[in-house]
PDB file of N, CA and C in Angstrom:
ATOM      1  N   UNK A   1      19.914  59.662 -58.437  1.00  0.00           N
ATOM      2  CA  UNK A   1      20.940  58.681 -58.722  1.00  0.00           C
ATOM      3  C   UNK A   1      21.815  59.121 -59.919  1.00  0.00           C
ATOM      4  N   UNK A   2      23.329  59.683 -60.259  1.00  0.00           N
ATOM      5  CA  UNK A   2      23.374  59.678 -60.984  1.00  0.00           C
ATOM      6  C   UNK A   2      22.919  60.206 -62.399  1.00  0.00           C
ATOM      7  N   UNK A   3      23.279  60.575 -63.536  1.00  0.00           N
ATOM      8  CA  UNK A   3      22.502  60.184 -64.993  1.00  0.00           C
ATOM      9  C   UNK A   3      23.770  58.929 -65.392  1.00  0.00           C
ATOM     10  N   UNK A   4      24.668  58.857 -64.992  1.00  0.00           N
ATOM     11  CA  UNK A   4      25.418  57.537 -65.565  1.00  0.00           C
ATOM     12  C   UNK A   4      25.335  56.618 -64.870  1.00  0.00           C
ATOM     13  N   UNK A   5      25.465  56.594 -63.876  1.00  0.00           N
ATOM     14  CA  UNK A   5      24.271  55.451 -62.969  1.00  0.00           C
ATOM     15  C   UNK A   5      22.668  54.921 -63.556  1.00  0.00           C
ATOM     16  N   UNK A   6      22.144  55.989 -63.416  1.00  0.00           N
ATOM     17  CA  UNK A   6      20.925  55.672 -64.239  1.00  0.00           C
ATOM     18  C   UNK A   6      21.223  54.861 -65.786  1.00  0.00           C
ATOM     19  N   UNK A   7      22.133  55.583 -66.560  1.00  0.00           N
ATOM     20  CA  UNK A   7      22.108  54.672 -67.713  1.00  0.00           C
ATOM     21  C   UNK A   7      22.591  53.160 -67.777  1.00  0.00           C
ATOM     22  N   UNK A   8      23.374  53.053 -66.719  1.00  0.00           N
ATOM     23  CA  UNK A   8      24.252  52.299 -66.292  1.00  0.00           C
ATOM     24  C   UNK A   8      22.259  50.266 -65.679  1.00  0.00           C
ATOM     25  N   UNK A   9      22.121  51.435 -64.957  1.00  0.00           N
ATOM     26  CA  UNK A   9      20.860  50.770 -64.522  1.00  0.00           C
ATOM     27  C   UNK A   9      19.619  50.253 -65.572  1.00  0.00           C
ATOM     28  N   UNK A  10      19.912  51.230 -66.780  1.00  0.00           N
ATOM     29  CA  UNK A  10      18.965  50.827 -67.397  1.00  0.00           C
ATOM     30  C   UNK A  10      19.290  49.653 -68.423  1.00  0.00           C
ATOM     31  N   UNK A  11      20.614  50.203 -68.564  1.00  0.00           N
ATOM     32  CA  UNK A  11      21.336  49.207 -69.724  1.00  0.00           C
ATOM     33  C   UNK A  11      21.157  47.506 -68.547  1.00  0.00           C
ATOM     34  N   UNK A  12      21.762  47.813 -67.584  1.00  0.00           N
ATOM     35  CA  UNK A  12      21.507  45.853 -67.431  1.00  0.00           C
ATOM     36  C   UNK A  12      19.946  45.512 -67.128  1.00  0.00           C
ATOM     37  N   UNK A  13      18.975  46.307 -66.787  1.00  0.00           N
ATOM     38  CA  UNK A  13      17.664  45.842 -67.295  1.00  0.00           C
ATOM     39  C   UNK A  13      17.147  45.550 -68.563  1.00  0.00           C
ATOM     40  N   UNK A  14      17.368  45.812 -69.571  1.00  0.00           N
ATOM     41  CA  UNK A  14      17.282  45.557 -70.725  1.00  0.00           C
ATOM     42  C   UNK A  14      17.855  44.219 -70.958  1.00  0.00           C
ATOM     43  N   UNK A  15      19.852  44.481 -70.561  1.00  0.00           N
ATOM     44  CA  UNK A  15      20.515  43.319 -70.890  1.00  0.00           C
ATOM     45  C   UNK A  15      19.314  41.569 -69.889  1.00  0.00           C
ATOM     46  N   UNK A  16      18.757  41.951 -68.937  1.00  0.00           N
ATOM     47  CA  UNK A  16      17.717  40.963 -67.780  1.00  0.00           C
ATOM     48  C   UNK A  16      16.772  40.570 -68.514  1.00  0.00           C
ATOM     49  N   UNK A  17      16.183  41.852 -68.888  1.00  0.00           N
ATOM     50  CA  UNK A  17      15.133  40.883 -69.805  1.00  0.00           C
ATOM     51  C   UNK A  17      14.852  40.878 -71.018  1.00  0.00           C
ATOM     52  N   UNK A  18      16.005  40.178 -72.017  1.00  0.00           N
ATOM     53  CA  UNK A  18      16.331  39.649 -73.298  1.00  0.00           C
ATOM     54  C   UNK A  18      17.009  38.882 -72.850  1.00  0.00           C
ATOM     55  N   UNK A  19      17.551  38.409 -71.609  1.00  0.00           N
ATOM     56  CA  UNK A  19      17.821  37.594 -71.486  1.00  0.00           C
ATOM     57  C   UNK A  19      16.610  35.943 -71.045  1.00  0.00           C
ATOM     58  N   UNK A  20      15.935  36.823 -70.031  1.00  0.00           N
ATOM     59  CA  UNK A  20      15.001  36.586 -69.767  1.00  0.00           C
ATOM     60  C   UNK A  20      13.306  36.308 -70.821  1.00  0.00           C
ATOM     61  N   UNK A  21      13.409  36.815 -71.897  1.00  0.00           N
ATOM     62  CA  UNK A  21      12.512  36.792 -72.985  1.00  0.00           C
ATOM     63  C   UNK A  21      13.021  35.490 -73.320  1.00  0.00           C
ATOM     64  N   UNK A  22      14.533  35.189 -73.905  1.00  0.00           N
ATOM     65  CA  UNK A  22      15.009  34.313 -74.888  1.00  0.00           C
ATOM     66  C   UNK A  22      14.271  32.800 -73.732  1.00  0.00           C
ATOM     67  N   UNK A  23      14.780  32.759 -72.398  1.00  0.00           N
ATOM     68  CA  UNK A  23      14.560  31.621 -71.404  1.00  0.00           C
ATOM     69  C   UNK A  23      13.036  31.361 -71.694  1.00  0.00           C
ATOM     70  N   UNK A  24      12.338  32.456 -72.142  1.00  0.00           N
ATOM     71  CA  UNK A  24      10.884  31.581 -71.436  1.00  0.00           C
ATOM     72  C   UNK A  24      10.978  31.688 -73.120  1.00  0.00           C
ATOM     73  N   UNK A  25      11.124  31.653 -74.156  1.00  0.00           N
ATOM     74  CA  UNK A  25      10.737  31.230 -75.407  1.00  0.00           C
ATOM     75  C   UNK A  25      11.517  29.839 -75.542  1.00  0.00           C
ATOM     76  N   UNK A  26      12.441  29.895 -75.050  1.00  0.00           N
ATOM     77  CA  UNK A  26      12.645  28.573 -75.290  1.00  0.00           C
ATOM     78  C   UNK A  26      12.047  27.937 -74.429  1.00  0.00           C
ATOM     79  N   UNK A  27      11.054  27.966 -73.381  1.00  0.00           N
ATOM     80  CA  UNK A  27      10.624  26.944 -72.673  1.00  0.00           C
ATOM     81  C   UNK A  27       9.189  26.971 -73.232  1.00  0.00           C
ATOM     82  N   UNK A  28       8.771  27.811 -73.854  1.00  0.00           N
ATOM     83  CA  UNK A  28       7.123  27.629 -74.434  1.00  0.00           C
ATOM     84  C   UNK A  28       7.104  27.244 -75.651  1.00  0.00           C
ATOM     85  N   UNK A  29       7.957  27.183 -76.838  1.00  0.00           N
ATOM     86  CA  UNK A  29       8.254  26.821 -78.024  1.00  0.00           C
ATOM     87  C   UNK A  29       8.788  25.118 -77.740  1.00  0.00           C
ATOM     88  N   UNK A  30      10.199  25.118 -77.213  1.00  0.00           N
ATOM     89  CA  UNK A  30      11.127  24.214 -77.496  1.00  0.00           C
ATOM     90  C   UNK A  30      11.140  23.580 -76.308  1.00  0.00           C
ATOM     91  N   UNK A  31      10.467  23.495 -75.633  1.00  0.00           N
ATOM     92  CA  UNK A  31       9.935  22.885 -73.907  1.00  0.00           C
ATOM     93  C   UNK A  31      11.607  22.598 -73.259  1.00  0.00           C
ATOM     94  N   UNK A  32      12.276  23.573 -73.767  1.00  0.00           N
ATOM     95  CA  UNK A  32      13.974  23.510 -73.216  1.00  0.00           C
ATOM     96  C   UNK A  32      13.970  24.243 -72.298  1.00  0.00           C
ATOM     97  N   UNK A  33      14.400  24.018 -70.850  1.00  0.00           N
ATOM     98  CA  UNK A  33      14.721  24.345 -69.672  1.00  0.00           C
ATOM     99  C   UNK A  33      15.981  24.909 -69.118  1.00  0.00           C
ATOM    100  N   UNK A  34      16.196  25.829 -69.231  1.00  0.00           N
ATOM    101  CA  UNK A  34      17.584  27.113 -68.753  1.00  0.00           C
ATOM    102  C   UNK A  34      18.503  25.988 -67.720  1.00  0.00           C
ATOM    103  N   UNK A  35      19.664  26.385 -68.485  1.00  0.00           N
ATOM    104  CA  UNK A  35      20.596  25.934 -67.421  1.00  0.00           C
ATOM    105  C   UNK A  35      20.655  26.506 -65.954  1.00  0.00           C
ATOM    106  N   UNK A  36      20.401  25.632 -64.780  1.00  0.00           N
ATOM    107  CA  UNK A  36      20.507  26.029 -63.843  1.00  0.00           C
ATOM    108  C   UNK A  36      21.391  27.241 -63.526  1.00  0.00           C
ATOM    109  N   UNK A  37      22.568  26.816 -63.835  1.00  0.00           N
ATOM    110  CA  UNK A  37      24.073  27.878 -64.207  1.00  0.00           C
ATOM    111  C   UNK A  37      23.559  29.589 -64.497  1.00  0.00           C
ATOM    112  N   UNK A  38      21.853  29.087 -65.446  1.00  0.00           N
ATOM    113  CA  UNK A  38      22.262  30.974 -66.433  1.00  0.00           C
ATOM    114  C   UNK A  38      21.062  30.941 -65.596  1.00  0.00           C
ATOM    115  N   UNK A  39      20.419  29.961 -64.790  1.00  0.00           N
ATOM    116  CA  UNK A  39      19.918  31.259 -64.151  1.00  0.00           C
ATOM    117  C   UNK A  39      19.879  32.010 -62.637  1.00  0.00           C
ATOM    118  N   UNK A  40      20.836  31.488 -61.574  1.00  0.00           N
ATOM    119  CA  UNK A  40      21.773  31.525 -60.969  1.00  0.00           C
ATOM    120  C   UNK A  40      22.445  32.902 -62.054  1.00  0.00           C
ATOM    121  N   UNK A  41      23.338  33.192 -62.485  1.00  0.00           N
ATOM    122  CA  UNK A  41      23.605  33.964 -62.705  1.00  0.00           C
ATOM    123  C   UNK A  41      22.835  35.141 -63.507  1.00  0.00           C
ATOM    124  N   UNK A  42      21.757  34.746 -63.909  1.00  0.00           N
ATOM    125  CA  UNK A  42      20.541  36.255 -64.043  1.00  0.00           C
ATOM    126  C   UNK A  42      20.460  36.572 -62.555  1.00  0.00           C
ATOM    127  N   UNK A  43      19.830  35.664 -61.359  1.00  0.00           N
ATOM    128  CA  UNK A  43      19.395  36.307 -60.253  1.00  0.00           C
ATOM    129  C   UNK A  43      20.760  36.878 -59.924  1.00  0.00           C
ATOM    130  N   UNK A  44      22.141  36.879 -60.014  1.00  0.00           N
ATOM    131  CA  UNK A  44      23.043  37.035 -59.618  1.00  0.00           C
ATOM    132  C   UNK A  44      23.254  38.251 -59.936  1.00  0.00           C
ATOM    133  N   UNK A  45      23.070  38.398 -61.310  1.00  0.00           N
ATOM    134  CA  UNK A  45      23.266  39.525 -61.858  1.00  0.00           C
ATOM    135  C   UNK A  45      21.971  41.179 -61.026  1.00  0.00           C
ATOM    136  N   UNK A  46      20.906  40.101 -60.914  1.00  0.00           N
ATOM    137  CA  UNK A  46      19.379  41.282 -60.743  1.00  0.00           C
ATOM    138  C   UNK A  46      20.073  41.401 -58.956  1.00  0.00           C
ATOM    139  N   UNK A  47      20.374  40.730 -58.069  1.00  0.00           N
ATOM    140  CA  UNK A  47      20.393  40.844 -56.424  1.00  0.00           C
ATOM    141  C   UNK A  47      21.633  41.559 -56.912  1.00  0.00           C
ATOM    142  N   UNK A  48      23.033  42.233 -57.572  1.00  0.00           N
ATOM    143  CA  UNK A  48      23.767  43.362 -57.538  1.00  0.00           C
ATOM    144  C   UNK A  48      23.027  44.519 -57.948  1.00  0.00           C
ATOM    145  N   UNK A  49      22.114  44.443 -59.050  1.00  0.00           N
ATOM    146  CA  UNK A  49      21.408  45.545 -59.148  1.00  0.00           C
ATOM    147  C   UNK A  49      20.621  46.157 -57.862  1.00  0.00           C
ATOM    148  N   UNK A  50      19.695  45.661 -57.975  1.00  0.00           N
ATOM    149  CA  UNK A  50      18.880  45.923 -56.768  1.00  0.00           C
ATOM    150  C   UNK A  50      19.611  46.160 -55.381  1.00  0.00           C
ATOM    151  N   UNK A  51      21.074  45.948 -55.024  1.00  0.00           N
ATOM    152  CA  UNK A  51      21.795  46.402 -54.424  1.00  0.00           C
ATOM    153  C   UNK A  51      22.213  48.259 -54.515  1.00  0.00           C
ATOM    154  N   UNK A  52      22.592  48.028 -55.821  1.00  0.00           N
ATOM    155  CA  UNK A  52      22.916  49.206 -56.247  1.00  0.00           C
ATOM    156  C   UNK A  52      21.887  50.197 -56.119  1.00  0.00           C
ATOM    157  N   UNK A  53      20.913  49.800 -56.693  1.00  0.00           N
ATOM    158  CA  UNK A  53      19.528  50.821 -56.025  1.00  0.00           C
ATOM    159  C   UNK A  53      18.851  51.342 -55.257  1.00  0.00           C
ATOM    160  N   UNK A  54      19.408  50.337 -54.433  1.00  0.00           N
ATOM    161  CA  UNK A  54      19.065  50.427 -52.796  1.00  0.00           C
ATOM    162  C   UNK A  54      20.297  51.184 -52.143  1.00  0.00           C
ATOM    163  N   UNK A  55      21.134  50.891 -52.233  1.00  0.00           N
ATOM    164  CA  UNK A  55      22.368  51.920 -51.804  1.00  0.00           C
ATOM    165  C   UNK A  55      22.030  53.112 -52.392  1.00  0.00           C
ATOM    166  N   UNK A  56      21.463  53.370 -53.310  1.00  0.00           N
ATOM    167  CA  UNK A  56      21.711  54.928 -54.075  1.00  0.00           C
ATOM    168  C   UNK A  56      20.537  55.320 -53.354  1.00  0.00           C
ATOM    169  N   UNK A  57      18.767  54.359 -52.348  1.00  0.00           N
ATOM    170  CA  UNK A  57      18.419  54.812 -51.995  1.00  0.00           C
ATOM    171  C   UNK A  57      18.024  54.869 -50.262  1.00  0.00           C
ATOM    172  N   UNK A  58      19.228  54.507 -50.243  1.00  0.00           N
ATOM    173  CA  UNK A  58      19.411  54.545 -48.788  1.00  0.00           C
ATOM    174  C   UNK A  58      20.442  56.166 -48.158  1.00  0.00           C
ATOM    175  N   UNK A  59      21.238  55.941 -49.339  1.00  0.00           N
ATOM    176  CA  UNK A  59      21.801  57.156 -49.781  1.00  0.00           C
ATOM    177  C   UNK A  59      21.303  58.436 -49.137  1.00  0.00           C
ATOM    178  N   UNK A  60      20.563  58.286 -50.407  1.00  0.00           N
ATOM    179  CA  UNK A  60      19.360  59.560 -50.547  1.00  0.00           C
ATOM    180  C   UNK A  60      18.471  59.962 -49.299  1.00  0.00           C
ATOM    181  N   UNK A  61      17.837  59.012 -48.897  1.00  0.00           N
ATOM    182  CA  UNK A  61      17.028  59.189 -47.846  1.00  0.00           C
ATOM    183  C   UNK A  61      17.703  59.377 -46.371  1.00  0.00           C
ATOM    184  N   UNK A  62      19.326  59.154 -46.498  1.00  0.00           N
ATOM    185  CA  UNK A  62      20.291  59.232 -45.234  1.00  0.00           C
ATOM    186  C   UNK A  62      20.410  61.318 -44.970  1.00  0.00           C
ATOM    187  N   UNK A  63      20.768  61.778 -46.650  1.00  0.00           N
ATOM    188  CA  UNK A  63      20.793  62.942 -46.766  1.00  0.00           C
ATOM    189  C   UNK A  63      19.927  63.989 -46.324  1.00  0.00           C
ATOM    190  N   UNK A  64      18.787  63.602 -46.793  1.00  0.00           N
ATOM    191  CA  UNK A  64      17.476  63.817 -47.225  1.00  0.00           C
ATOM    192  C   UNK A  64      17.170  64.324 -45.259  1.00  0.00           C
ATOM    193  N   UNK A  65      18.166  63.593 -44.667  1.00  0.00           N
ATOM    194  CA  UNK A  65      17.037  63.089 -43.533  1.00  0.00           C
ATOM    195  C   UNK A  65      17.513  64.515 -42.518  1.00  0.00           C
ATOM    196  N   UNK A  66      19.136  64.798 -42.692  1.00  0.00           N
ATOM    197  CA  UNK A  66      20.227  65.529 -42.563  1.00  0.00           C
ATOM    198  C   UNK A  66      19.735  67.055 -42.543  1.00  0.00           C
TER     199      UNK A  66
END
């Protein structure tokens, strides 16, 4: 994975982690559950990130096989 992509993935993971922390604190301290749209949004971002990582993994494994 290129350095730029790696930095992009790291940045995205930090953002997702922060959002999940805030949701957790809301549930734990205030008994406030996140909106379903918030959860769906985070899940969509995680899916996109997974596709990015898996796509690069598949490309690397195919080039290694050649």
